[in-house]
Protein backbone atom coordinates (compact mmCIF):
# COMPACT_ATOMS: atom_id res chain seq x y z
CA MET A 1 -30.10 -7.81 -29.34
CA ARG A 2 -30.05 -5.72 -32.52
CA LYS A 3 -28.63 -6.08 -35.98
CA ASN A 4 -25.30 -4.41 -36.56
CA GLY A 5 -24.49 -2.18 -39.50
CA LYS A 6 -23.85 1.39 -40.60
CA ASP A 7 -27.16 2.49 -39.10
CA LEU A 8 -25.30 2.58 -35.78
CA ASN A 9 -23.82 5.84 -37.08
CA LEU A 10 -20.64 5.55 -35.05
CA GLU A 11 -18.73 8.25 -36.91
CA LYS A 12 -21.45 10.80 -36.15
CA ASP A 13 -21.60 9.76 -32.50
CA TRP A 14 -17.85 10.03 -32.04
CA ALA A 15 -17.80 13.44 -33.71
CA SER A 16 -20.83 15.04 -32.04
CA ASN A 17 -21.39 13.33 -28.67
CA PRO A 18 -19.79 15.35 -25.81
CA ARG A 19 -18.96 12.02 -24.20
CA TRP A 20 -16.16 11.56 -26.74
CA THR A 21 -14.76 15.09 -26.79
CA GLY A 22 -10.98 14.95 -27.01
CA MET A 23 -10.88 11.13 -27.36
CA THR A 24 -8.41 9.77 -29.92
CA ARG A 25 -9.18 6.61 -31.88
CA PRO A 26 -6.59 5.54 -34.48
CA TYR A 27 -9.22 3.47 -36.32
CA ALA A 28 -12.47 4.14 -38.15
CA ALA A 29 -16.07 3.25 -37.40
CA LYS A 30 -16.09 0.86 -40.35
CA ASP A 31 -13.29 -1.11 -38.66
CA VAL A 32 -15.40 -1.50 -35.52
CA GLU A 33 -18.47 -2.52 -37.53
CA ARG A 34 -16.45 -5.18 -39.32
CA LEU A 35 -15.32 -6.69 -36.02
CA ARG A 36 -18.73 -6.70 -34.32
CA GLY A 37 -20.28 -9.64 -36.08
CA SER A 38 -23.86 -9.82 -37.34
CA VAL A 39 -25.65 -9.70 -33.97
CA HIS A 40 -25.09 -7.19 -31.19
CA LEU A 41 -25.23 -8.58 -27.64
CA GLU A 42 -26.34 -6.17 -24.95
CA HIS A 43 -24.13 -5.62 -21.88
CA THR A 44 -26.62 -3.78 -19.73
CA LEU A 45 -24.79 -3.53 -16.41
CA ALA A 46 -21.57 -2.36 -18.04
CA ARG A 47 -23.45 0.27 -20.06
CA LEU A 48 -25.54 1.52 -17.13
CA GLY A 49 -22.46 1.59 -14.89
CA ALA A 50 -20.37 3.51 -17.42
CA GLU A 51 -23.11 6.08 -17.99
CA ARG A 52 -23.68 6.50 -14.26
CA LEU A 53 -19.97 6.82 -13.44
CA TRP A 54 -19.47 9.40 -16.19
CA ARG A 55 -22.37 11.41 -14.80
CA LEU A 56 -21.06 11.18 -11.23
CA LEU A 57 -17.60 12.30 -12.28
CA HIS A 58 -19.11 15.42 -13.82
CA THR A 59 -21.68 16.29 -11.16
CA GLU A 60 -20.03 15.41 -7.84
CA PRO A 61 -17.01 17.11 -6.24
CA TYR A 62 -15.35 13.70 -6.40
CA VAL A 63 -16.35 10.02 -6.41
CA PRO A 64 -15.09 8.13 -3.33
CA SER A 65 -14.71 4.36 -3.51
CA LEU A 66 -13.50 1.42 -1.41
CA GLY A 67 -12.07 -1.84 -2.67
CA ALA A 68 -14.52 -4.73 -2.19
CA MET A 69 -13.44 -8.38 -2.08
CA THR A 70 -16.88 -9.98 -1.98
CA GLY A 71 -20.43 -9.37 -3.07
CA ASN A 72 -21.50 -8.87 0.53
CA GLN A 73 -18.89 -6.18 1.06
CA ALA A 74 -20.15 -4.44 -2.08
CA ILE A 75 -23.74 -4.57 -0.79
CA GLN A 76 -22.68 -2.96 2.49
CA GLN A 77 -20.85 -0.21 0.62
CA VAL A 78 -23.92 0.63 -1.45
CA ARG A 79 -26.23 0.44 1.59
CA ALA A 80 -23.92 2.83 3.42
CA GLY A 81 -24.21 5.29 0.55
CA LEU A 82 -20.96 4.98 -1.43
CA PRO A 83 -21.53 5.79 -5.12
CA ALA A 84 -18.99 3.42 -6.72
CA ILE A 85 -17.07 0.22 -5.98
CA TYR A 86 -13.43 -0.54 -6.70
CA VAL A 87 -12.33 -4.07 -7.65
CA SER A 88 -8.65 -4.43 -6.83
CA GLY A 89 -6.29 -6.85 -8.52
CA TRP A 90 -4.20 -6.86 -5.33
CA GLN A 91 -7.19 -8.10 -3.32
CA VAL A 92 -8.03 -10.68 -5.97
CA ALA A 93 -4.45 -11.92 -5.82
CA ALA A 94 -4.54 -12.08 -2.03
CA ASP A 95 -7.77 -14.00 -1.49
CA ALA A 96 -10.24 -14.02 -4.37
CA ASN A 97 -8.59 -15.56 -7.41
CA ASP A 98 -9.55 -18.56 -9.51
CA ALA A 99 -6.36 -20.42 -8.64
CA GLY A 100 -7.53 -20.67 -5.04
CA GLN A 101 -4.14 -19.41 -3.88
CA MET A 102 -2.94 -16.53 -1.72
CA TYR A 103 -0.60 -14.50 -3.95
CA PRO A 104 1.29 -11.21 -3.83
CA ASP A 105 0.32 -8.59 -6.40
CA GLN A 106 2.53 -9.86 -9.21
CA SER A 107 -0.01 -11.03 -11.83
CA LEU A 108 0.33 -14.62 -10.65
CA TYR A 109 -3.37 -15.43 -10.76
CA PRO A 110 -5.45 -16.53 -13.80
CA ALA A 111 -6.34 -13.64 -16.09
CA ASP A 112 -10.09 -14.18 -15.76
CA SER A 113 -10.03 -13.81 -11.95
CA VAL A 114 -10.92 -10.10 -11.75
CA PRO A 115 -13.75 -10.39 -14.32
CA ASN A 116 -15.15 -13.26 -12.27
CA VAL A 117 -15.06 -11.17 -9.07
CA VAL A 118 -16.75 -8.32 -10.96
CA ARG A 119 -19.44 -10.77 -12.05
CA ARG A 120 -19.93 -12.09 -8.50
CA ILE A 121 -20.24 -8.58 -7.11
CA ASN A 122 -22.77 -7.60 -9.76
CA GLN A 123 -24.76 -10.75 -9.07
CA ALA A 124 -24.81 -9.95 -5.36
CA LEU A 125 -25.99 -6.41 -6.08
CA ALA A 126 -28.65 -7.81 -8.41
CA ARG A 127 -29.92 -10.08 -5.62
CA ALA A 128 -30.06 -7.17 -3.19
CA ASP A 129 -32.04 -5.22 -5.78
CA GLN A 130 -34.45 -8.14 -6.31
CA ILE A 131 -35.01 -8.61 -2.58
CA HIS A 132 -35.71 -4.94 -1.91
CA HIS A 133 -37.88 -4.48 -4.98
CA ALA A 134 -39.95 -7.55 -4.08
CA GLU A 135 -40.49 -6.07 -0.61
CA GLY A 136 -41.59 -2.74 -2.08
CA HIS A 137 -38.41 -0.83 -1.20
CA ASP A 138 -37.00 1.04 -4.17
CA ASP A 139 -35.16 3.84 -2.39
CA THR A 140 -31.67 2.45 -3.11
CA TYR A 141 -29.98 2.19 -6.50
CA TRP A 142 -27.97 -0.98 -6.06
CA PHE A 143 -25.99 -1.16 -9.28
CA ALA A 144 -23.09 1.06 -8.29
CA PRO A 145 -20.48 1.40 -11.05
CA LEU A 146 -17.58 -1.05 -10.70
CA ILE A 147 -14.06 0.20 -11.45
CA ALA A 148 -11.90 -2.84 -12.15
CA ASP A 149 -8.17 -3.53 -12.21
CA ALA A 150 -6.75 -5.02 -15.42
CA GLU A 151 -3.19 -4.75 -14.08
CA ALA A 152 -0.71 -4.64 -17.00
CA GLY A 153 -3.06 -6.51 -19.29
CA PHE A 154 -1.74 -10.02 -18.58
CA GLY A 155 0.26 -10.02 -21.80
CA GLY A 156 0.38 -8.08 -25.03
CA ASN A 157 -2.18 -6.00 -26.87
CA LEU A 158 -4.37 -8.93 -27.85
CA ASN A 159 -4.45 -10.08 -24.22
CA ALA A 160 -5.55 -6.58 -23.21
CA PHE A 161 -8.26 -6.63 -25.90
CA GLU A 162 -9.68 -9.92 -24.62
CA LEU A 163 -9.38 -8.94 -20.95
CA MET A 164 -11.26 -5.71 -21.61
CA LYS A 165 -14.04 -7.66 -23.29
CA ALA A 166 -14.23 -10.01 -20.30
CA MET A 167 -14.47 -7.04 -17.92
CA ILE A 168 -17.35 -5.56 -19.90
CA GLU A 169 -19.16 -8.88 -20.16
CA ALA A 170 -18.89 -9.15 -16.36
CA GLY A 171 -20.38 -5.65 -15.97
CA ALA A 172 -17.42 -3.34 -15.25
CA ALA A 173 -18.06 0.37 -15.76
CA CYS A 174 -14.40 1.43 -15.88
CA VAL A 175 -11.18 -0.53 -16.33
CA HIS A 176 -7.64 0.60 -15.58
CA PHE A 177 -4.38 -0.57 -17.10
CA GLU A 178 -0.85 0.23 -15.95
CA ASP A 179 2.32 0.80 -17.97
CA GLN A 180 4.44 -1.95 -16.44
CA LEU A 181 5.81 -4.99 -18.25
CA SER A 182 3.13 -7.62 -17.62
CA SER A 183 5.55 -10.49 -17.03
CA ALA A 184 7.38 -8.50 -14.34
CA LYS A 185 4.34 -6.66 -12.94
CA LYS A 186 4.54 -5.51 -9.32
CA CYS A 187 2.25 -3.74 -6.90
CA GLY A 188 2.76 0.00 -7.25
CA HIS A 189 4.29 0.09 -3.78
CA LEU A 190 6.85 -2.66 -4.39
CA GLY A 191 10.29 -2.32 -5.93
CA GLY A 192 11.66 -3.75 -9.17
CA LYS A 193 9.02 -2.33 -11.52
CA VAL A 194 9.78 -2.44 -15.24
CA LEU A 195 8.01 -0.05 -17.63
CA VAL A 196 7.17 -0.65 -21.26
CA PRO A 197 7.83 2.09 -23.83
CA THR A 198 5.25 4.85 -23.99
CA ASN A 199 4.09 3.86 -27.49
CA GLU A 200 3.65 0.23 -26.46
CA PHE A 201 1.37 1.17 -23.58
CA ILE A 202 -0.65 3.51 -25.81
CA GLN A 203 -1.29 0.54 -28.10
CA LYS A 204 -2.62 -1.36 -25.09
CA LEU A 205 -4.97 1.51 -24.27
CA VAL A 206 -6.12 1.55 -27.89
CA ALA A 207 -6.75 -2.20 -27.65
CA ALA A 208 -8.97 -1.62 -24.62
CA ARG A 209 -10.91 1.17 -26.38
CA LEU A 210 -11.35 -0.98 -29.47
CA ALA A 211 -12.73 -3.80 -27.34
CA ALA A 212 -15.27 -1.46 -25.74
CA ASP A 213 -16.29 -0.07 -29.13
CA VAL A 214 -16.69 -3.54 -30.59
CA LEU A 215 -18.98 -4.49 -27.70
CA GLY A 216 -20.84 -1.19 -28.06
CA VAL A 217 -20.36 0.00 -24.47
CA PRO A 218 -19.06 3.46 -23.39
CA THR A 219 -16.76 1.89 -20.79
CA LEU A 220 -14.35 4.32 -19.17
CA ILE A 221 -10.62 3.60 -19.36
CA MET A 222 -8.10 4.74 -16.78
CA ALA A 223 -4.38 4.87 -17.53
CA ARG A 224 -2.05 4.38 -14.60
CA THR A 225 1.63 5.19 -14.75
CA ASP A 226 4.21 3.75 -12.37
CA ALA A 227 6.95 6.01 -13.72
CA ASN A 228 7.20 7.97 -10.47
CA SER A 229 9.12 5.14 -8.82
CA ALA A 230 10.14 2.79 -11.65
CA GLN A 231 13.82 2.61 -12.59
CA LEU A 232 13.74 0.16 -15.51
CA LEU A 233 12.46 0.20 -19.11
CA THR A 234 12.20 -2.69 -21.56
CA SER A 235 13.26 -0.79 -24.68
CA ASP A 236 14.47 2.59 -25.93
CA THR A 237 12.36 2.50 -29.09
CA ASP A 238 10.15 5.52 -28.21
CA PRO A 239 11.87 8.94 -28.45
CA ARG A 240 9.50 10.24 -25.76
CA ASP A 241 11.33 8.08 -23.24
CA HIS A 242 14.87 9.15 -24.19
CA GLU A 243 15.22 12.12 -21.83
CA PHE A 244 14.84 9.78 -18.86
CA LEU A 245 17.42 7.19 -19.95
CA THR A 246 20.62 7.02 -17.88
CA GLY A 247 22.71 5.15 -20.47
CA ASN A 248 23.01 2.06 -18.29
CA ARG A 249 21.71 -1.45 -18.82
CA THR A 250 20.95 -4.22 -16.35
CA PRO A 251 22.22 -7.82 -16.63
CA GLU A 252 18.74 -8.74 -17.92
CA GLY A 253 19.02 -6.18 -20.69
CA PHE A 254 16.63 -3.59 -19.28
CA PHE A 255 17.39 0.09 -19.77
CA CYS A 256 17.92 2.13 -16.60
CA ILE A 257 15.82 5.28 -16.34
CA ARG A 258 15.35 8.19 -13.99
CA GLY A 259 12.03 7.71 -12.31
CA GLY A 260 10.20 10.59 -10.75
CA LEU A 261 7.31 12.95 -11.19
CA ASP A 262 8.60 14.52 -14.42
CA SER A 263 8.68 11.08 -16.02
CA ALA A 264 5.19 10.33 -14.71
CA ILE A 265 3.82 13.62 -16.04
CA ALA A 266 5.37 13.06 -19.47
CA ARG A 267 3.77 9.64 -19.72
CA ALA A 268 0.41 10.82 -18.40
CA VAL A 269 0.33 13.58 -21.02
CA SER A 270 1.03 11.01 -23.72
CA TYR A 271 -1.74 8.70 -22.47
CA ALA A 272 -4.37 11.40 -21.88
CA PRO A 273 -5.84 11.53 -25.44
CA TYR A 274 -6.77 7.85 -25.27
CA VAL A 275 -8.47 7.62 -21.87
CA GLU A 276 -11.02 9.28 -19.61
CA LEU A 277 -8.89 9.25 -16.43
CA VAL A 278 -5.19 9.35 -15.60
CA TRP A 279 -3.62 8.01 -12.40
CA CYS A 280 -0.08 8.37 -11.10
CA GLU A 281 0.88 5.80 -8.46
CA THR A 282 2.66 7.56 -5.60
CA ALA A 283 4.72 6.55 -2.59
CA GLU A 284 3.15 8.84 0.01
CA PRO A 285 0.10 11.07 0.51
CA SER A 286 1.60 14.34 -0.67
CA LEU A 287 -0.63 17.24 -1.76
CA ASP A 288 2.38 19.04 -3.20
CA GLU A 289 3.21 16.06 -5.38
CA ALA A 290 -0.43 15.66 -6.38
CA ARG A 291 -0.60 19.34 -7.33
CA ARG A 292 2.53 19.13 -9.49
CA PHE A 293 1.17 16.12 -11.34
CA ALA A 294 -2.25 17.72 -11.85
CA GLU A 295 -0.73 20.96 -13.11
CA GLY A 296 1.57 19.07 -15.45
CA VAL A 297 -1.29 17.15 -17.05
CA HIS A 298 -3.72 20.06 -17.12
CA ALA A 299 -1.18 22.33 -18.79
CA LYS A 300 -1.76 20.25 -21.93
CA TYR A 301 -5.22 18.79 -21.23
CA PRO A 302 -7.07 21.19 -18.89
CA SER A 303 -10.22 19.08 -18.49
CA LYS A 304 -8.62 15.66 -18.12
CA LEU A 305 -10.03 13.75 -15.14
CA LEU A 306 -7.53 12.46 -12.58
CA ALA A 307 -7.64 9.55 -10.13
CA TYR A 308 -5.84 9.16 -6.80
CA ASN A 309 -5.08 6.03 -4.81
CA CYS A 310 -5.54 6.86 -1.10
CA SER A 311 -3.46 3.80 -0.43
CA PRO A 312 -3.39 1.57 2.66
CA SER A 313 0.34 1.28 1.93
CA PHE A 314 0.70 4.83 3.30
CA ASN A 315 1.03 5.26 7.05
CA TRP A 316 -1.46 8.10 7.13
CA LYS A 317 -1.04 9.24 10.74
CA LYS A 318 2.74 9.14 10.36
CA LYS A 319 2.66 11.35 7.28
CA LEU A 320 -0.23 13.71 8.11
CA ASP A 321 -1.99 15.08 11.17
CA ASP A 322 -5.71 14.62 11.77
CA ALA A 323 -6.71 17.95 10.27
CA ALA A 324 -4.69 17.33 7.10
CA ILE A 325 -6.19 13.85 6.73
CA ALA A 326 -9.71 15.25 7.14
CA ARG A 327 -9.30 17.79 4.34
CA PHE A 328 -7.04 15.68 2.10
CA GLN A 329 -9.71 14.46 -0.30
CA ARG A 330 -11.41 17.83 -0.65
CA GLU A 331 -8.10 19.41 -1.58
CA LEU A 332 -7.41 16.63 -4.08
CA ALA A 333 -10.83 17.18 -5.63
CA ALA A 334 -10.09 20.87 -6.11
CA MET A 335 -7.05 19.86 -8.20
CA GLY A 336 -9.16 17.66 -10.49
CA TYR A 337 -8.81 14.26 -8.81
CA LYS A 338 -12.41 13.21 -9.40
CA PHE A 339 -12.04 9.50 -8.57
CA GLN A 340 -10.46 8.75 -5.18
CA PHE A 341 -10.28 5.24 -3.84
CA ILE A 342 -8.82 3.05 -1.10
CA THR A 343 -7.67 -0.01 -2.98
CA LEU A 344 -7.38 -2.57 -0.18
CA ALA A 345 -10.17 -1.45 2.12
CA GLY A 346 -11.92 -4.82 1.85
CA PHE A 347 -8.78 -6.77 2.74
CA HIS A 348 -7.95 -4.70 5.80
CA SER A 349 -11.49 -4.39 7.16
CA LEU A 350 -12.18 -8.09 6.69
CA ASN A 351 -8.98 -9.18 8.40
CA LEU A 352 -9.14 -6.75 11.32
CA SER A 353 -12.82 -7.41 12.07
CA MET A 354 -12.31 -11.17 12.16
CA PHE A 355 -9.12 -10.89 14.22
CA GLU A 356 -10.86 -8.73 16.81
CA LEU A 357 -13.83 -11.07 16.98
CA ALA A 358 -11.62 -14.17 17.18
CA GLN A 359 -9.47 -12.65 19.92
CA GLY A 360 -12.50 -11.50 21.88
CA TYR A 361 -14.18 -14.90 21.45
CA ARG A 362 -11.07 -16.72 22.67
CA LEU A 363 -10.92 -14.53 25.75
CA THR A 364 -14.58 -14.04 26.67
CA GLY A 365 -16.54 -16.59 24.65
CA MET A 366 -20.10 -15.65 23.72
CA THR A 367 -19.76 -12.27 25.42
CA ALA A 368 -17.68 -11.13 22.46
CA TYR A 369 -20.15 -12.36 19.87
CA ALA A 370 -23.15 -10.95 21.74
CA ARG A 371 -21.34 -7.61 21.80
CA LEU A 372 -20.86 -7.75 18.03
CA GLN A 373 -24.54 -8.62 17.61
CA GLU A 374 -25.61 -5.70 19.77
CA LYS A 375 -23.55 -3.42 17.57
CA GLU A 376 -25.34 -4.89 14.54
CA PHE A 377 -28.72 -4.14 16.14
CA SER A 378 -27.53 -0.61 16.83
CA ARG A 379 -26.43 -0.03 13.23
CA GLU A 380 -29.66 -1.57 11.96
CA ARG A 381 -31.75 0.69 14.15
CA ASP A 382 -29.86 3.90 13.48
CA TYR A 383 -28.49 3.57 9.96
CA GLY A 384 -30.34 0.84 8.07
CA TYR A 385 -27.75 -1.95 8.31
CA GLU A 386 -29.47 -5.19 7.29
CA ALA A 387 -27.11 -8.16 7.49
CA VAL A 388 -27.97 -8.91 11.15
CA LYS A 389 -31.04 -10.69 9.72
CA HIS A 390 -28.81 -12.96 7.70
CA GLN A 391 -31.55 -15.27 6.38
CA SER A 392 -33.53 -12.43 4.87
CA PHE A 393 -30.37 -10.65 3.74
CA VAL A 394 -29.34 -13.45 1.38
CA GLY A 395 -32.81 -13.86 -0.11
CA THR A 396 -34.76 -16.45 1.88
CA GLY A 397 -37.88 -14.30 1.82
CA TYR A 398 -37.43 -13.63 -1.90
CA PHE A 399 -37.35 -17.34 -2.70
CA ASP A 400 -40.32 -17.90 -0.40
CA MET A 401 -42.20 -15.58 -2.76
CA VAL A 402 -41.01 -17.66 -5.71
CA ALA A 403 -42.19 -20.84 -3.96
CA GLN A 404 -45.60 -19.30 -3.25
CA LEU A 405 -46.11 -18.40 -6.90
CA MET A 406 -45.12 -21.88 -8.03
CA ALA A 407 -47.50 -23.47 -5.52
CA GLY A 408 -50.41 -21.21 -6.34
CA GLY A 409 -50.03 -19.18 -3.15
CA THR A 410 -50.45 -22.04 -0.66
CA PRO A 411 -47.07 -23.68 0.01
CA SER A 412 -46.37 -25.37 3.34
CA THR A 413 -42.60 -25.25 3.05
CA THR A 414 -41.76 -21.55 3.11
CA ALA A 415 -38.49 -21.09 4.96
CA LEU A 416 -38.84 -17.87 6.94
CA THR A 417 -42.17 -18.79 8.51
CA GLY A 418 -41.41 -20.42 11.84
CA SER A 419 -37.71 -19.62 11.64
CA THR A 420 -35.66 -18.46 14.61
CA GLU A 421 -34.91 -15.26 12.75
CA GLN A 422 -38.62 -14.46 12.46
CA GLU A 423 -39.17 -15.23 16.13
CA GLN A 424 -36.16 -13.49 17.66
CA PHE A 425 -35.21 -10.71 15.24
CA THR A 426 -38.57 -9.29 14.20
CA GLY A 427 -39.00 -5.75 15.46
CA THR A 428 -35.36 -5.24 16.38
CA ALA A 429 -35.21 -2.16 14.20
CA ALA A 430 -37.10 0.09 11.86
CA ARG A 431 -35.87 0.67 8.32
CA VAL A 432 -33.96 3.89 8.83
CA ARG A 433 -31.65 5.50 6.33
CA ASP A 434 -29.41 8.26 7.61
CA ALA A 435 -27.60 9.74 4.67
CA HIS A 436 -24.85 11.04 6.95
CA GLY A 437 -24.06 7.63 8.42
CA PRO A 438 -22.38 7.05 11.79
CA ASP A 439 -20.82 10.05 13.46
CA ALA A 440 -17.08 10.50 13.66
CA ALA A 441 -16.94 8.90 17.11
CA CYS A 442 -18.45 5.63 15.83
CA GLN A 443 -15.91 2.95 16.64
CA PRO A 444 -15.14 0.61 13.74
CA ILE A 445 -15.55 -3.13 14.09
CA LEU A 446 -15.86 -4.04 17.80
CA GLY A 447 -14.33 -0.93 19.33
CA GLU A 448 -12.14 -1.01 22.42
CA CYS A 449 -12.80 -3.39 25.29
CA PRO A 450 -10.53 -2.43 28.22
CA ALA A 451 -12.22 -4.98 30.49
CA ILE A 452 -10.66 -7.87 28.55
CA PRO A 453 -7.40 -9.00 30.20
CA PRO A 454 -4.24 -9.50 28.15
CA PRO A 455 -3.75 -12.98 26.63
CA GLU A 456 -1.04 -14.06 29.07
CA GLN A 457 -3.52 -13.68 31.93
CA VAL A 458 -6.22 -15.79 30.30
CA ILE A 459 -6.50 -19.55 30.17
CA VAL A 460 -9.39 -20.93 28.13
CA THR A 461 -10.14 -24.61 28.63
CA GLY A 462 -8.70 -26.64 25.79
CA ILE A 463 -7.15 -23.62 24.10
CA LYS A 464 -3.60 -22.45 24.52
CA PRO A 465 -3.40 -18.65 24.54
CA VAL A 466 -1.37 -17.12 21.74
CA LYS A 467 1.19 -14.63 23.02
CA PRO A 468 1.82 -11.45 21.03
CA ARG A 469 4.78 -11.65 18.67
CA ALA A 470 7.98 -9.92 19.74
CA GLY A 471 7.97 -6.32 18.70
CA ALA A 472 4.25 -6.30 18.06
């Protein structure tokens, strides 16, 4: 902690630090100092994450990221070598929210749900760091920057201010907001989206920046526009929106607008001075569309960083051939899309892996699980995968060290000593780290198993086989 005051020299930092080049703040440093209170609380993970993400965005061709639903998924992503982690509001709605419900992506969950997932992920990464450091392994930097979804802010500007603070307190490095009406918020790939006026969303971005400044953290802000596909607007108060009005109104009183890329570009240009990254939600993986958007933004702000959602809502093989898919991200990066992410990777990988295991287990019993375990041993041996030793992975050995210190080095109740894991899993693999990871032929999850008969040919005692659904 440190005392607040004018010695923080905010005005000088904003004016001279390259980090803030081109950033617009419609308030003064004295306003921030007045709101900070008398004691400054440190938010170490948020600060380290923001600094690291900013550096990655300016030194790497692009920063790839997958959406993680759990702390364990985040650990696997870091261990596999990914530089950043995405925390999706869609995934939180589906299976990780504080209401304990399964929701669609319509802002139905409690507003503190995403900050709480961010906190859980950071705590899992901290445990991984503690375990490895205690064992003398410091070759992995575990605290990958977390990019978190604030949706439409869960209300007005004050709600966005408080949500941004909660994200930072949980350790988020970057937070994105979208320009939809929060009470009618939809997933970017659903219909019925309602936009707020351009000036109203800018105020929300300013609220987020103010929150970060008050907490003293250089958190990155990403502005997402849904104008490419939205057809409705709450109000015609901003002249910047007038060229897209159709003159029609809906029964609810919304203004009808012409959605499309021109509308998205106009909004992105308006948002750019207030944020580090701009994102246009799209309906398909189109390089032509991505290029038009990038050129439209860069015509006014040549160095503005862009983000792209490589969405699971796209049917990739239907839209692109294998060669186009393979080069897609490199071509995006050349246009300035420096953050590229798969929002729902955690949801899809978790569900498919468990379905395959459950189906295999129903049909072949322990053969299926033993096969999964052998694949774990293989990944441990060749690429440094660690979760096959599940007791050690979650910190049993770490807390044995704690117990030894408390008992003066002679405890009789250490947990790993004499465990089945120590007996049966010791020596299954060396600690190997291949920076390139599995080759392209590496089958995900369990791979194919042609020897397993179809469900209708299998009868498992006490279990009624489930037939495939019609049309599946």
